[in-house]
Amino acid sequence: MHLKYIVELTEVERESLQVFVDSGSKLARKVKRAQILLAADLGYQDKDIATLVGVGTSTVYRAKKRFVERPFEVVLDDEPRPGGTRKLNGKEEALLVATACSKPPEGRARWTMQLLADAFVSMTDHTSLSDETVRRRLREKRIKPWQKKMWCIPNVDAEYVARMEDVLDLYAEAPTADEPVVCFDESPVQLIGEARCPIAAAPGRPARFDYEYRRNGTSNLFVFLDAHRPWRHVKVTEHRESADFAECMRDLVDVHYPDAKRIRVVLDNLSSHTKAALYRTFPADEARRILRRIEFHFVPKHASWLNMVEIEIGVMKKQCLQRRIGDRETLSRELDAWKHARNQDGAQIEWLFTVDKARQKMGRAYPEPARTHRVAA
């Protein structure tokens, strides 16, 4: 026969339970236990409480019993549950982790749960080990053998620092019409056409398109971005050769900035980004004419993030190119509409990284001076 447990809450306990119930907690079990105790404190019988809360009378009994026998601070918590003994001891778990972090067997690209289990059994006295045990132990150690990340560590030498601070100084300058700063880069685009005509969206029905598509080759985008005013330009070409680069530089001088005295161009270290490209494309006097009005500023190697136009290319891809575009004419038309709208909206990149911030964040990586020179009095 069940003992009868009496629930009498103090004012503080009653208020605490009511706040917990009203807080909208997602822990349904704890909320029901609090409701049981509040109802019992008001004098309701167990069967009435079970009906009100939506639980069985045994649940009501256990909640009241827990209140009487345990401290109030843990009265809503679950009872500790005995778990099974771990199948692997500390040394065996370390062996499993070391195996998962090693090279996979010959002929296999990566470790799988089954491969790890088989390898572990072959190295220990265990006769078997389940994939689930392997998965749980690796999850505890936050190890994912199937996951790889590509990364690149730049060599922050004197050349890196010189180029970085040169570009950052350009961004920090006050804008001038005579000497604009233009960031330049390329981006390839895959032309993908529809195999069947898509079906437009309708009320209650999303747009539909066939999973099959046609590859129609690639195009290249040359992207220009003024660092100090809301202007960008995108030129669609078939190739990305040195002649295409040279023509882009001529467009900068003759079309986009005909009145500028000098155009400072920020660009990366692609092999076609050279003065020689203009001499290979144009007669010598024409190449010299263009280069007299252009000044190249190269970002450090492995530091394309310093080129402001990279941000603009990301915006362009997200706003305009995340869809299927099947031919170069359509691509050019869509990009023209995008750039005109963005230029009219006055959109600009807000660049916040400066030389001072670079020295604060990367000062430890800066090269040490070979000599310490005294400053003349």
Protein backbone atom coordinates (compact mmCIF):
# COMPACT_ATOMS: atom_id res chain seq x y z
CA MET A 1 0.00 0.00 0.00
CA HIS A 2 1.33 3.42 -0.99
CA LEU A 3 2.31 5.81 1.77
CA LYS A 4 0.54 9.11 1.75
CA TYR A 5 2.88 12.01 1.09
CA ILE A 6 1.71 15.48 2.05
CA VAL A 7 2.83 18.48 0.00
CA GLU A 8 2.97 21.79 1.84
CA LEU A 9 4.88 24.50 0.04
CA THR A 10 6.38 27.58 1.58
CA GLU A 11 5.64 30.93 -0.03
CA VAL A 12 9.10 31.01 -1.58
CA GLU A 13 8.77 27.44 -2.94
CA ARG A 14 5.30 28.14 -4.32
CA GLU A 15 6.48 31.28 -6.09
CA SER A 16 9.55 29.48 -7.49
CA LEU A 17 7.44 26.67 -8.95
CA GLN A 18 4.91 29.09 -10.42
CA VAL A 19 7.67 31.10 -12.11
CA PHE A 20 9.10 27.89 -13.56
CA VAL A 21 5.72 26.86 -14.98
CA ASP A 22 5.07 30.32 -16.42
CA SER A 23 8.52 30.60 -18.00
CA GLY A 24 7.55 28.33 -20.88
CA SER A 25 10.32 25.80 -20.29
CA LYS A 26 10.68 23.07 -22.91
CA LEU A 27 11.37 20.44 -20.23
CA ALA A 28 7.87 18.98 -20.17
CA ARG A 29 8.59 16.45 -17.42
CA LYS A 30 9.79 19.13 -15.03
CA VAL A 31 6.84 21.39 -15.83
CA LYS A 32 4.39 18.59 -15.05
CA ARG A 33 6.13 17.85 -11.76
CA ALA A 34 5.88 21.52 -10.79
CA GLN A 35 2.18 21.55 -11.71
CA ILE A 36 1.62 18.41 -9.63
CA LEU A 37 3.21 19.97 -6.57
CA LEU A 38 1.27 23.22 -6.97
CA ALA A 39 -2.02 21.31 -7.29
CA ALA A 40 -1.20 19.06 -4.31
CA ASP A 41 -0.41 22.13 -2.24
CA LEU A 42 -3.91 23.43 -3.01
CA GLY A 43 -5.42 20.23 -1.62
CA TYR A 44 -6.38 18.34 -4.79
CA GLN A 45 -6.59 14.54 -4.61
CA ASP A 46 -4.18 12.41 -6.62
CA LYS A 47 -6.76 11.28 -9.18
CA ASP A 48 -7.91 14.88 -9.71
CA ILE A 49 -4.32 16.05 -10.13
CA ALA A 50 -3.66 13.28 -12.67
CA THR A 51 -6.67 14.42 -14.71
CA LEU A 52 -5.70 18.10 -14.56
CA VAL A 53 -2.04 17.59 -15.48
CA GLY A 54 -2.58 14.73 -17.91
CA VAL A 55 -0.48 12.08 -16.21
CA GLY A 56 -1.05 8.84 -14.37
CA THR A 57 -1.65 8.62 -10.63
CA SER A 58 1.68 6.81 -10.21
CA THR A 59 3.43 9.87 -11.65
CA VAL A 60 1.63 12.05 -9.12
CA TYR A 61 2.69 9.71 -6.35
CA ARG A 62 6.35 9.74 -7.39
CA ALA A 63 6.41 13.56 -7.66
CA LYS A 64 4.98 13.96 -4.14
CA LYS A 65 7.37 11.30 -2.79
CA ARG A 66 10.34 13.09 -4.38
CA PHE A 67 9.23 16.37 -2.77
CA VAL A 68 9.10 14.82 0.71
CA GLU A 69 12.36 12.86 0.48
CA ARG A 70 14.65 15.17 -1.48
CA PRO A 71 15.87 18.77 -1.13
CA PHE A 72 13.67 21.30 -2.88
CA GLU A 73 16.53 22.42 -5.17
CA VAL A 74 16.49 19.04 -6.98
CA VAL A 75 12.85 18.10 -6.55
CA LEU A 76 12.09 18.60 -10.27
CA ASP A 77 15.16 16.76 -11.55
CA ASP A 78 15.16 13.19 -12.89
CA GLU A 79 16.33 10.35 -10.71
CA PRO A 80 19.88 9.24 -11.53
CA ARG A 81 19.77 6.26 -13.84
CA PRO A 82 22.40 3.53 -13.70
CA GLY A 83 24.19 3.16 -17.02
CA GLY A 84 26.00 0.22 -18.52
CA THR A 85 29.72 -0.20 -18.02
CA ARG A 86 31.88 1.32 -20.72
CA LYS A 87 33.22 -1.23 -23.17
CA LEU A 88 36.57 0.53 -23.53
CA ASN A 89 38.89 1.66 -20.77
CA GLY A 90 41.02 4.78 -20.93
CA LYS A 91 43.98 3.18 -22.71
CA GLU A 92 41.73 1.50 -25.26
CA GLU A 93 39.92 4.76 -26.01
CA ALA A 94 43.30 6.46 -26.52
CA LEU A 95 44.27 3.69 -28.96
CA LEU A 96 41.02 4.15 -30.89
CA VAL A 97 41.56 7.90 -31.11
CA ALA A 98 45.17 7.46 -32.25
CA THR A 99 44.03 5.04 -34.95
CA ALA A 100 41.32 7.42 -36.17
CA CYS A 101 43.93 10.20 -36.45
CA SER A 102 46.38 8.07 -38.43
CA LYS A 103 46.49 7.32 -42.16
CA PRO A 104 43.78 4.95 -43.39
CA PRO A 105 44.74 1.50 -44.75
CA GLU A 106 46.16 1.24 -48.25
CA GLY A 107 43.48 1.40 -50.89
CA ARG A 108 41.10 3.40 -48.69
CA ALA A 109 40.60 7.16 -48.88
CA ARG A 110 39.45 7.58 -45.27
CA TRP A 111 38.54 5.75 -42.10
CA THR A 112 34.98 4.49 -41.66
CA MET A 113 33.37 3.30 -38.43
CA GLN A 114 33.62 -0.32 -39.58
CA LEU A 115 37.27 0.02 -40.61
CA LEU A 116 38.12 1.53 -37.24
CA ALA A 117 36.25 -1.20 -35.39
CA ASP A 118 38.04 -3.94 -37.35
CA ALA A 119 41.44 -2.30 -36.87
CA PHE A 120 40.83 -1.91 -33.14
CA VAL A 121 39.83 -5.57 -32.74
CA SER A 122 42.95 -6.69 -34.59
CA MET A 123 45.16 -4.73 -32.14
CA THR A 124 43.44 -5.74 -28.86
CA ASP A 125 41.97 -8.71 -27.06
CA HIS A 126 38.43 -7.67 -27.93
CA THR A 127 36.55 -10.14 -30.10
CA SER A 128 34.19 -7.50 -31.48
CA LEU A 129 33.40 -3.81 -31.37
CA SER A 130 30.26 -2.21 -32.74
CA ASP A 131 30.21 0.75 -35.12
CA GLU A 132 28.00 2.59 -32.62
CA THR A 133 30.61 2.29 -29.87
CA VAL A 134 33.25 3.71 -32.20
CA ARG A 135 30.94 6.54 -33.24
CA ARG A 136 30.14 7.48 -29.63
CA ARG A 137 33.74 7.48 -28.48
CA LEU A 138 34.84 9.62 -31.43
CA ARG A 139 31.94 12.00 -30.91
CA GLU A 140 32.98 12.47 -27.28
CA LYS A 141 36.48 13.41 -28.46
CA ARG A 142 35.07 15.60 -31.27
CA ILE A 143 36.93 13.61 -33.93
CA LYS A 144 35.53 13.33 -37.47
CA PRO A 145 37.84 11.16 -39.63
CA TRP A 146 35.74 11.78 -42.73
CA GLN A 147 36.14 15.55 -42.55
CA LYS A 148 38.96 17.48 -44.19
CA LYS A 149 39.59 21.21 -44.45
CA MET A 150 41.88 22.99 -46.87
CA TRP A 151 43.91 25.89 -45.57
CA CYS A 152 46.84 28.03 -46.57
CA ILE A 153 49.32 29.71 -44.27
CA PRO A 154 50.88 32.83 -45.82
CA ASN A 155 54.51 33.57 -45.20
CA VAL A 156 54.31 36.93 -43.43
CA ASP A 157 57.69 38.23 -44.50
CA ALA A 158 58.82 41.77 -45.31
CA GLU A 159 57.38 41.53 -48.84
CA TYR A 160 54.00 40.46 -47.45
CA VAL A 161 53.91 43.33 -44.97
CA ALA A 162 55.04 45.90 -47.53
CA ARG A 163 52.33 44.94 -50.00
CA MET A 164 49.65 44.72 -47.33
CA GLU A 165 50.36 48.14 -45.85
CA ASP A 166 50.63 49.65 -49.33
CA VAL A 167 47.12 48.46 -50.22
CA LEU A 168 45.69 49.44 -46.83
CA ASP A 169 47.10 52.94 -47.21
CA LEU A 170 45.34 53.25 -50.57
CA TYR A 171 42.01 52.30 -48.99
CA ALA A 172 42.54 54.81 -46.17
CA GLU A 173 43.24 57.76 -48.48
CA ALA A 174 40.70 60.49 -49.05
CA PRO A 175 39.02 59.95 -52.45
CA THR A 176 40.27 62.06 -55.34
CA ALA A 177 38.90 62.25 -58.89
CA ASP A 178 42.40 62.60 -60.37
CA GLU A 179 43.82 59.44 -58.73
CA PRO A 180 41.06 56.85 -58.20
CA VAL A 181 41.73 53.47 -56.57
CA VAL A 182 40.20 50.59 -58.53
CA CYS A 183 40.17 46.99 -57.30
CA PHE A 184 40.27 44.40 -60.07
CA ASP A 185 39.83 40.63 -60.27
CA GLU A 186 38.39 37.80 -62.36
CA SER A 187 35.81 35.12 -61.67
CA PRO A 188 34.84 32.13 -63.86
CA VAL A 189 31.17 31.28 -64.46
CA GLN A 190 29.70 27.97 -65.66
CA LEU A 191 26.96 28.49 -68.26
CA ILE A 192 24.13 26.08 -67.43
CA GLY A 193 21.03 25.82 -69.58
CA GLU A 194 17.67 24.23 -68.90
CA ALA A 195 16.91 20.89 -70.51
CA ARG A 196 13.17 21.63 -70.21
CA CYS A 197 11.27 24.85 -69.76
CA PRO A 198 10.72 25.62 -66.03
CA ILE A 199 7.18 26.04 -64.67
CA ALA A 200 6.52 29.37 -63.01
CA ALA A 201 5.31 29.61 -59.43
CA ALA A 202 1.60 29.91 -58.69
CA PRO A 203 -0.45 30.42 -55.52
CA GLY A 204 0.08 27.35 -53.37
CA ARG A 205 2.71 25.90 -55.74
CA PRO A 206 6.44 26.66 -55.87
CA ALA A 207 8.32 27.15 -59.12
CA ARG A 208 9.46 23.91 -60.70
CA PHE A 209 12.45 23.08 -62.86
CA ASP A 210 13.88 19.84 -64.17
CA TYR A 211 16.87 18.33 -62.38
CA GLU A 212 18.49 17.74 -65.77
CA TYR A 213 20.50 20.59 -67.26
CA ARG A 214 22.87 21.35 -70.12
CA ARG A 215 26.47 22.49 -69.77
CA ASN A 216 27.09 25.28 -72.26
CA GLY A 217 30.72 26.03 -71.53
CA THR A 218 32.18 28.73 -69.33
CA SER A 219 32.63 32.48 -69.34
CA ASN A 220 34.94 34.79 -67.48
CA LEU A 221 33.99 37.89 -65.55
CA PHE A 222 36.36 40.81 -65.12
CA VAL A 223 35.13 42.84 -62.15
CA PHE A 224 36.11 46.44 -61.42
CA LEU A 225 35.32 48.19 -58.13
CA ASP A 226 36.07 51.76 -57.12
CA ALA A 227 37.35 51.69 -53.55
CA HIS A 228 36.06 55.18 -52.72
CA ARG A 229 32.85 55.72 -54.64
CA PRO A 230 29.75 53.62 -55.46
CA TRP A 231 30.84 52.28 -58.82
CA ARG A 232 31.47 48.80 -60.14
CA HIS A 233 31.67 47.31 -63.63
CA VAL A 234 31.53 43.73 -64.88
CA LYS A 235 32.90 42.71 -68.27
CA VAL A 236 31.96 39.29 -69.66
CA THR A 237 34.58 37.60 -71.86
CA GLU A 238 35.10 34.17 -73.35
CA HIS A 239 38.65 33.80 -72.09
CA ARG A 240 40.91 35.04 -69.30
CA GLU A 241 44.10 35.64 -71.22
CA SER A 242 46.71 38.36 -71.06
CA ALA A 243 45.12 40.10 -74.07
CA ASP A 244 41.79 40.27 -72.20
CA PHE A 245 43.56 41.79 -69.20
CA ALA A 246 45.28 44.35 -71.41
CA GLU A 247 41.98 45.38 -72.95
CA CYS A 248 40.49 45.82 -69.48
CA MET A 249 43.33 48.19 -68.58
CA ARG A 250 42.71 50.16 -71.78
CA ASP A 251 39.01 50.37 -70.88
CA LEU A 252 39.96 51.79 -67.48
CA VAL A 253 42.02 54.54 -69.09
CA ASP A 254 39.87 55.42 -72.10
CA VAL A 255 36.30 54.53 -71.06
CA HIS A 256 35.83 54.46 -67.31
CA TYR A 257 38.34 57.12 -66.14
CA PRO A 258 39.23 59.23 -69.19
CA ASP A 259 39.95 62.34 -67.08
CA ALA A 260 42.00 60.69 -64.34
CA LYS A 261 45.63 61.63 -64.09
CA ARG A 262 46.64 58.29 -62.55
CA ILE A 263 44.61 55.15 -61.80
CA ARG A 264 45.85 53.01 -58.90
CA VAL A 265 44.82 49.41 -59.62
CA VAL A 266 44.75 46.85 -56.78
CA LEU A 267 45.06 43.29 -58.13
CA ASP A 268 46.40 39.84 -57.29
CA ASN A 269 49.48 38.03 -58.55
CA LEU A 270 48.01 36.18 -61.53
CA SER A 271 50.61 35.58 -64.25
CA SER A 272 48.65 37.69 -66.78
CA HIS A 273 48.57 40.74 -64.47
CA THR A 274 51.75 42.29 -65.80
CA LYS A 275 52.85 45.30 -67.80
CA ALA A 276 54.23 42.89 -70.35
CA ALA A 277 50.67 41.78 -71.15
CA LEU A 278 49.99 45.21 -72.64
CA TYR A 279 53.12 45.08 -74.80
CA ARG A 280 52.13 41.63 -76.05
CA THR A 281 48.68 42.95 -76.98
CA PHE A 282 49.23 46.49 -78.29
CA PRO A 283 51.93 48.32 -80.20
CA ALA A 284 54.65 49.70 -77.97
CA ASP A 285 53.49 53.31 -78.13
CA GLU A 286 49.91 52.31 -77.23
CA ALA A 287 51.04 50.11 -74.35
CA ARG A 288 53.25 52.90 -73.03
CA ARG A 289 50.40 55.41 -73.29
CA ILE A 290 48.13 53.22 -71.15
CA LEU A 291 50.80 52.35 -68.59
CA ARG A 292 51.70 56.00 -68.04
CA ARG A 293 48.28 56.45 -66.46
CA ILE A 294 48.12 53.18 -64.52
CA GLU A 295 49.91 52.19 -61.33
CA PHE A 296 49.72 48.56 -60.20
CA HIS A 297 49.49 47.68 -56.49
CA PHE A 298 49.67 43.94 -55.84
CA VAL A 299 48.21 42.29 -52.75
CA PRO A 300 50.50 39.79 -50.97
CA LYS A 301 50.51 36.19 -52.13
CA HIS A 302 47.83 34.09 -50.40
CA ALA A 303 46.09 37.29 -49.27
CA SER A 304 43.34 37.82 -51.82
CA TRP A 305 41.11 38.91 -48.92
CA LEU A 306 42.97 42.23 -49.04
CA ASN A 307 41.47 42.91 -52.46
CA MET A 308 38.20 44.71 -51.79
CA VAL A 309 36.66 43.45 -55.02
CA GLU A 310 36.56 39.91 -53.57
CA ILE A 311 33.73 41.08 -51.30
CA GLU A 312 31.88 42.54 -54.27
CA ILE A 313 32.25 39.29 -56.22
CA GLY A 314 30.65 37.43 -53.31
CA VAL A 315 27.72 39.85 -53.34
CA MET A 316 27.40 39.50 -57.12
CA LYS A 317 27.27 35.71 -56.95
CA LYS A 318 24.68 35.74 -54.17
CA GLN A 319 22.41 38.40 -55.67
CA CYS A 320 22.68 37.64 -59.38
CA LEU A 321 24.38 34.35 -60.25
CA GLN A 322 22.78 31.79 -57.93
CA ARG A 323 20.65 30.32 -60.74
CA ARG A 324 20.98 28.69 -64.12
CA ILE A 325 22.10 31.01 -66.91
CA GLY A 326 22.58 29.24 -70.20
CA ASP A 327 24.33 31.68 -72.58
CA ARG A 328 26.76 34.57 -72.58
CA GLU A 329 24.25 37.12 -73.89
CA THR A 330 21.82 36.47 -71.05
CA LEU A 331 24.69 36.53 -68.56
CA SER A 332 25.83 39.93 -69.82
CA ARG A 333 22.31 41.33 -69.75
CA GLU A 334 21.63 40.14 -66.22
CA LEU A 335 24.96 41.42 -64.91
CA ASP A 336 24.42 44.81 -66.56
CA ALA A 337 21.06 45.12 -64.81
CA TRP A 338 22.60 44.09 -61.50
CA LYS A 339 25.54 46.52 -61.66
CA HIS A 340 23.36 49.46 -62.78
CA ALA A 341 20.92 48.89 -59.91
CA ARG A 342 23.75 48.55 -57.39
CA ASN A 343 25.51 51.67 -58.68
CA GLN A 344 22.28 53.68 -58.54
CA ASP A 345 21.65 52.50 -54.98
CA GLY A 346 25.04 53.94 -53.99
CA ALA A 347 26.27 50.62 -52.58
CA GLN A 348 29.85 50.68 -51.29
CA ILE A 349 32.16 48.37 -49.38
CA GLU A 350 32.81 49.61 -45.85
CA TRP A 351 36.44 48.66 -45.35
CA LEU A 352 37.49 48.71 -41.68
CA PHE A 353 40.90 47.00 -41.68
CA THR A 354 43.68 49.60 -41.48
CA VAL A 355 47.45 49.64 -41.10
CA ASP A 356 47.11 50.32 -37.35
CA LYS A 357 44.76 47.35 -36.92
CA ALA A 358 47.08 45.15 -38.98
CA ARG A 359 49.98 46.00 -36.68
CA GLN A 360 47.86 45.32 -33.60
CA LYS A 361 46.54 41.97 -34.82
CA MET A 362 49.54 40.72 -36.78
CA GLY A 363 52.38 42.51 -35.01
CA ARG A 364 53.90 39.28 -33.71
CA ALA A 365 54.14 37.93 -37.26
CA TYR A 366 55.88 41.04 -38.59
CA PRO A 367 59.55 40.46 -39.49
CA GLU A 368 62.14 41.68 -37.02
CA PRO A 369 64.37 44.50 -38.31
CA ALA A 370 67.86 43.28 -39.17
CA ARG A 371 69.40 46.36 -37.56
CA THR A 372 68.30 49.00 -35.10
CA HIS A 373 69.06 52.46 -36.41
CA ARG A 374 69.36 55.51 -34.23
CA VAL A 375 67.12 58.44 -35.06
CA ALA A 376 69.18 61.59 -35.74
CA ALA A 377 68.59 64.36 -33.24
